[in-house]
């Protein structure tokens, strides 16, 4: 049985990942592992990890990294805490693959830890563009550290390939 670890950091990405999680959960050849981080674990944002649990998913690990501030220093510190937390989570859970979505710094930390741990990454929504934000550099970096790429449209397919990824790994 292959262990597939889905990592979610916000209510927005969970809304898109929920259907992927359902598919993994319902496949007898796969074991779903769920790691929550970011705003899911913040009372300010409503402790949305409870929504995941109420949808019938077991949370296998929580990586608490938010400091409550949106300054460069706070985000950088949160990324460092994320690297430590994801290193521990991946060591404990031993997934065969992680699935992530988007470009947030929490996901960047998770993928960086997976890269070092030699755990393959499936990235959803790579190749997109965000003008004027560091999200674009994060997204492209996540793409470069990933092994499977699930893009939303043909232009994004082309951008991922332009980044040097093999076309047969982009879907």
C-alpha atoms as a PDB file:
ATOM      1  CA  UNK A   1       0.000   0.000   0.000  1.00  0.00           C
ATOM      2  CA  UNK A   2       1.386   3.394  -1.011  1.00  0.00           C
ATOM      3  CA  UNK A   3       1.258   6.153   1.590  1.00  0.00           C
ATOM      4  CA  UNK A   4       0.172   9.461   0.041  1.00  0.00           C
ATOM      5  CA  UNK A   5       0.553  12.507   2.280  1.00  0.00           C
ATOM      6  CA  UNK A   6      -1.566  15.555   1.502  1.00  0.00           C
ATOM      7  CA  UNK A   7      -0.334  18.771   3.093  1.00  0.00           C
ATOM      8  CA  UNK A   8      -2.764  21.656   3.533  1.00  0.00           C
ATOM      9  CA  UNK A   9      -2.142  25.078   5.048  1.00  0.00           C
ATOM     10  CA  UNK A  10      -5.303  27.096   4.382  1.00  0.00           C
ATOM     11  CA  UNK A  11      -9.039  26.698   4.014  1.00  0.00           C
ATOM     12  CA  UNK A  12      -8.660  27.786   0.375  1.00  0.00           C
ATOM     13  CA  UNK A  13      -6.231  25.028  -0.588  1.00  0.00           C
ATOM     14  CA  UNK A  14      -8.165  22.469   1.436  1.00  0.00           C
ATOM     15  CA  UNK A  15     -11.294  23.280  -0.596  1.00  0.00           C
ATOM     16  CA  UNK A  16      -9.434  22.180  -3.729  1.00  0.00           C
ATOM     17  CA  UNK A  17      -7.536  19.287  -2.100  1.00  0.00           C
ATOM     18  CA  UNK A  18     -10.603  17.775  -0.432  1.00  0.00           C
ATOM     19  CA  UNK A  19     -11.598  15.909  -3.588  1.00  0.00           C
ATOM     20  CA  UNK A  20      -8.080  14.555  -4.085  1.00  0.00           C
ATOM     21  CA  UNK A  21      -8.102  13.431  -0.452  1.00  0.00           C
ATOM     22  CA  UNK A  22     -11.467  11.683  -0.943  1.00  0.00           C
ATOM     23  CA  UNK A  23     -10.095   9.842  -3.973  1.00  0.00           C
ATOM     24  CA  UNK A  24      -6.998   8.674  -2.090  1.00  0.00           C
ATOM     25  CA  UNK A  25      -9.038   7.699   0.968  1.00  0.00           C
ATOM     26  CA  UNK A  26     -11.414   5.604  -1.166  1.00  0.00           C
ATOM     27  CA  UNK A  27      -8.657   3.774  -3.075  1.00  0.00           C
ATOM     28  CA  UNK A  28      -7.861   0.410  -1.479  1.00  0.00           C
ATOM     29  CA  UNK A  29      -4.284   0.537  -2.819  1.00  0.00           C
ATOM     30  CA  UNK A  30      -3.523   3.864  -1.139  1.00  0.00           C
ATOM     31  CA  UNK A  31      -3.250   5.096   2.430  1.00  0.00           C
ATOM     32  CA  UNK A  32      -4.119   8.755   2.993  1.00  0.00           C
ATOM     33  CA  UNK A  33      -1.967  10.733   5.414  1.00  0.00           C
ATOM     34  CA  UNK A  34      -3.018  14.298   6.241  1.00  0.00           C
ATOM     35  CA  UNK A  35      -0.705  17.006   7.547  1.00  0.00           C
ATOM     36  CA  UNK A  36      -2.137  20.395   8.468  1.00  0.00           C
ATOM     37  CA  UNK A  37      -0.208  23.589   9.016  1.00  0.00           C
ATOM     38  CA  UNK A  38      -0.493  27.343   8.636  1.00  0.00           C
ATOM     39  CA  UNK A  39      -3.785  29.091   9.224  1.00  0.00           C
ATOM     40  CA  UNK A  40      -5.616  25.783   9.848  1.00  0.00           C
ATOM     41  CA  UNK A  41      -4.039  25.835  13.319  1.00  0.00           C
ATOM     42  CA  UNK A  42      -4.835  29.463  14.141  1.00  0.00           C
ATOM     43  CA  UNK A  43      -7.771  30.544  16.268  1.00  0.00           C
ATOM     44  CA  UNK A  44      -7.651  33.867  14.398  1.00  0.00           C
ATOM     45  CA  UNK A  45      -8.613  31.984  11.224  1.00  0.00           C
ATOM     46  CA  UNK A  46     -11.136  29.747  12.979  1.00  0.00           C
ATOM     47  CA  UNK A  47      -9.079  26.596  13.703  1.00  0.00           C
ATOM     48  CA  UNK A  48     -10.142  25.255  10.326  1.00  0.00           C
ATOM     49  CA  UNK A  49      -8.451  21.922  10.993  1.00  0.00           C
ATOM     50  CA  UNK A  50     -11.754  21.105  12.707  1.00  0.00           C
ATOM     51  CA  UNK A  51     -13.502  21.400   9.318  1.00  0.00           C
ATOM     52  CA  UNK A  52     -11.120  18.771   7.928  1.00  0.00           C
ATOM     53  CA  UNK A  53     -11.932  16.473  10.830  1.00  0.00           C
ATOM     54  CA  UNK A  54     -15.663  17.092  10.487  1.00  0.00           C
ATOM     55  CA  UNK A  55     -15.369  16.079   6.826  1.00  0.00           C
ATOM     56  CA  UNK A  56     -14.241  12.660   8.056  1.00  0.00           C
ATOM     57  CA  UNK A  57     -10.478  12.952   7.631  1.00  0.00           C
ATOM     58  CA  UNK A  58      -7.990  11.915  10.288  1.00  0.00           C
ATOM     59  CA  UNK A  59      -5.217  14.437  10.783  1.00  0.00           C
ATOM     60  CA  UNK A  60      -1.977  12.519  11.096  1.00  0.00           C
ATOM     61  CA  UNK A  61       0.321  15.419  11.973  1.00  0.00           C
ATOM     62  CA  UNK A  62       0.115  19.133  12.769  1.00  0.00           C
ATOM     63  CA  UNK A  63       2.987  21.481  11.957  1.00  0.00           C
ATOM     64  CA  UNK A  64       2.293  24.701  13.872  1.00  0.00           C
ATOM     65  CA  UNK A  65       4.315  27.541  12.371  1.00  0.00           C
ATOM     66  CA  UNK A  66       2.263  30.738  12.410  1.00  0.00           C
ATOM     67  CA  UNK A  67       3.407  33.574  14.623  1.00  0.00           C
ATOM     68  CA  UNK A  68       0.392  35.769  13.967  1.00  0.00           C
ATOM     69  CA  UNK A  69       2.396  38.444  12.170  1.00  0.00           C
ATOM     70  CA  UNK A  70       2.834  39.100   8.456  1.00  0.00           C
ATOM     71  CA  UNK A  71       6.245  40.757   8.515  1.00  0.00           C
ATOM     72  CA  UNK A  72       9.257  39.494   6.535  1.00  0.00           C
ATOM     73  CA  UNK A  73      10.974  38.465   9.777  1.00  0.00           C
ATOM     74  CA  UNK A  74       7.900  36.571  11.050  1.00  0.00           C
ATOM     75  CA  UNK A  75       7.395  34.765   7.735  1.00  0.00           C
ATOM     76  CA  UNK A  76      11.073  33.826   7.567  1.00  0.00           C
ATOM     77  CA  UNK A  77      10.976  32.463  11.112  1.00  0.00           C
ATOM     78  CA  UNK A  78       7.789  30.543  10.294  1.00  0.00           C
ATOM     79  CA  UNK A  79       9.531  28.997   7.273  1.00  0.00           C
ATOM     80  CA  UNK A  80      12.364  27.837   9.542  1.00  0.00           C
ATOM     81  CA  UNK A  81       9.898  26.373  12.031  1.00  0.00           C
ATOM     82  CA  UNK A  82       8.167  24.719   9.084  1.00  0.00           C
ATOM     83  CA  UNK A  83      11.376  23.029   7.926  1.00  0.00           C
ATOM     84  CA  UNK A  84      11.899  21.602  11.405  1.00  0.00           C
ATOM     85  CA  UNK A  85       8.264  20.535  11.776  1.00  0.00           C
ATOM     86  CA  UNK A  86       8.026  18.953   8.329  1.00  0.00           C
ATOM     87  CA  UNK A  87      11.335  17.126   8.848  1.00  0.00           C
ATOM     88  CA  UNK A  88       9.790  15.548  11.964  1.00  0.00           C
ATOM     89  CA  UNK A  89       6.458  14.841  10.257  1.00  0.00           C
ATOM     90  CA  UNK A  90       8.046  13.157   7.240  1.00  0.00           C
ATOM     91  CA  UNK A  91      10.369  11.084   9.424  1.00  0.00           C
ATOM     92  CA  UNK A  92       7.432   9.859  11.502  1.00  0.00           C
ATOM     93  CA  UNK A  93       4.908   9.295   8.694  1.00  0.00           C
ATOM     94  CA  UNK A  94       7.301   7.947   6.033  1.00  0.00           C
ATOM     95  CA  UNK A  95       5.099   8.811   3.023  1.00  0.00           C
ATOM     96  CA  UNK A  96       5.817   7.496  -0.461  1.00  0.00           C
ATOM     97  CA  UNK A  97       4.636  10.785  -2.018  1.00  0.00           C
ATOM     98  CA  UNK A  98       3.471  14.177  -0.813  1.00  0.00           C
ATOM     99  CA  UNK A  99       0.772  16.210  -2.546  1.00  0.00           C
ATOM    100  CA  UNK A 100       0.770  19.996  -2.275  1.00  0.00           C
ATOM    101  CA  UNK A 101      -1.072  22.868  -3.910  1.00  0.00           C
ATOM    102  CA  UNK A 102       0.017  26.402  -4.694  1.00  0.00           C
ATOM    103  CA  UNK A 103       2.763  28.723  -3.628  1.00  0.00           C
ATOM    104  CA  UNK A 104       2.545  29.667   0.034  1.00  0.00           C
ATOM    105  CA  UNK A 105       5.585  29.713   2.280  1.00  0.00           C
ATOM    106  CA  UNK A 106       4.224  26.820   4.373  1.00  0.00           C
ATOM    107  CA  UNK A 107       4.159  24.641   1.275  1.00  0.00           C
ATOM    108  CA  UNK A 108       7.648  25.809   0.295  1.00  0.00           C
ATOM    109  CA  UNK A 109       8.933  24.577   3.680  1.00  0.00           C
ATOM    110  CA  UNK A 110       7.148  21.231   3.296  1.00  0.00           C
ATOM    111  CA  UNK A 111       8.512  20.645  -0.196  1.00  0.00           C
ATOM    112  CA  UNK A 112      12.029  21.672   0.859  1.00  0.00           C
ATOM    113  CA  UNK A 113      11.934  19.093   3.656  1.00  0.00           C
ATOM    114  CA  UNK A 114      10.614  16.433   1.251  1.00  0.00           C
ATOM    115  CA  UNK A 115      13.383  17.213  -1.249  1.00  0.00           C
ATOM    116  CA  UNK A 116      16.081  16.618   1.364  1.00  0.00           C
ATOM    117  CA  UNK A 117      14.274  13.478   2.604  1.00  0.00           C
ATOM    118  CA  UNK A 118      14.089  12.199  -1.006  1.00  0.00           C
ATOM    119  CA  UNK A 119      10.302  11.957  -0.939  1.00  0.00           C
ATOM    120  CA  UNK A 120       8.674  12.639  -4.330  1.00  0.00           C
ATOM    121  CA  UNK A 121       6.330  15.617  -4.585  1.00  0.00           C
ATOM    122  CA  UNK A 122       3.171  16.092  -6.654  1.00  0.00           C
ATOM    123  CA  UNK A 123       2.494  19.826  -7.115  1.00  0.00           C
ATOM    124  CA  UNK A 124      -0.907  21.181  -8.120  1.00  0.00           C
ATOM    125  CA  UNK A 125      -1.235  24.625  -9.772  1.00  0.00           C
ATOM    126  CA  UNK A 126       2.354  25.137 -10.856  1.00  0.00           C
ATOM    127  CA  UNK A 127       3.220  27.362 -13.803  1.00  0.00           C
ATOM    128  CA  UNK A 128       0.822  30.137 -12.867  1.00  0.00           C
ATOM    129  CA  UNK A 129       1.911  33.740 -12.499  1.00  0.00           C
ATOM    130  CA  UNK A 130       1.494  36.260  -9.690  1.00  0.00           C
ATOM    131  CA  UNK A 131       2.833  39.676 -10.669  1.00  0.00           C
ATOM    132  CA  UNK A 132       4.648  41.670  -8.013  1.00  0.00           C
ATOM    133  CA  UNK A 133       4.521  39.080  -5.242  1.00  0.00           C
ATOM    134  CA  UNK A 134       7.134  36.711  -3.879  1.00  0.00           C
ATOM    135  CA  UNK A 135       4.513  33.972  -4.364  1.00  0.00           C
ATOM    136  CA  UNK A 136       5.675  33.581  -7.959  1.00  0.00           C
ATOM    137  CA  UNK A 137       9.251  32.757  -6.919  1.00  0.00           C
ATOM    138  CA  UNK A 138       7.893  30.366  -4.268  1.00  0.00           C
ATOM    139  CA  UNK A 139       5.617  28.633  -6.805  1.00  0.00           C
ATOM    140  CA  UNK A 140       8.382  28.213  -9.373  1.00  0.00           C
ATOM    141  CA  UNK A 141      10.766  26.949  -6.683  1.00  0.00           C
ATOM    142  CA  UNK A 142       8.157  24.427  -5.550  1.00  0.00           C
ATOM    143  CA  UNK A 143       7.765  23.367  -9.185  1.00  0.00           C
ATOM    144  CA  UNK A 144      11.509  22.803  -9.526  1.00  0.00           C
ATOM    145  CA  UNK A 145      11.557  20.655  -6.348  1.00  0.00           C
ATOM    146  CA  UNK A 146       8.555  18.588  -7.496  1.00  0.00           C
ATOM    147  CA  UNK A 147       8.365  15.416  -9.548  1.00  0.00           C
ATOM    148  CA  UNK A 148       4.769  15.420 -10.813  1.00  0.00           C
ATOM    149  CA  UNK A 149       3.012  18.561 -11.968  1.00  0.00           C
ATOM    150  CA  UNK A 150      -0.749  19.060 -12.229  1.00  0.00           C
ATOM    151  CA  UNK A 151      -1.467  22.366 -13.975  1.00  0.00           C
ATOM    152  CA  UNK A 152      -4.769  24.118 -14.624  1.00  0.00           C
ATOM    153  CA  UNK A 153      -4.321  25.159 -18.280  1.00  0.00           C
ATOM    154  CA  UNK A 154      -2.113  24.819 -21.358  1.00  0.00           C
ATOM    155  CA  UNK A 155      -0.153  28.069 -20.785  1.00  0.00           C
ATOM    156  CA  UNK A 156       0.823  26.784 -17.338  1.00  0.00           C
ATOM    157  CA  UNK A 157       1.889  23.467 -18.891  1.00  0.00           C
ATOM    158  CA  UNK A 158       4.165  25.418 -21.217  1.00  0.00           C
ATOM    159  CA  UNK A 159       5.616  27.486 -18.366  1.00  0.00           C
ATOM    160  CA  UNK A 160       6.425  24.379 -16.299  1.00  0.00           C
ATOM    161  CA  UNK A 161       8.158  22.843 -19.322  1.00  0.00           C
ATOM    162  CA  UNK A 162      10.044  26.135 -19.866  1.00  0.00           C
ATOM    163  CA  UNK A 163      11.268  25.807 -16.282  1.00  0.00           C
ATOM    164  CA  UNK A 164      12.990  22.622 -17.416  1.00  0.00           C
ATOM    165  CA  UNK A 165      10.526  19.962 -16.322  1.00  0.00           C
ATOM    166  CA  UNK A 166       9.981  16.934 -18.520  1.00  0.00           C
ATOM    167  CA  UNK A 167       6.699  17.215 -20.481  1.00  0.00           C
ATOM    168  CA  UNK A 168       5.716  13.657 -19.565  1.00  0.00           C
ATOM    169  CA  UNK A 169       5.686  14.659 -15.869  1.00  0.00           C
ATOM    170  CA  UNK A 170       3.240  17.536 -16.443  1.00  0.00           C
ATOM    171  CA  UNK A 171      -0.494  16.812 -16.533  1.00  0.00           C
END
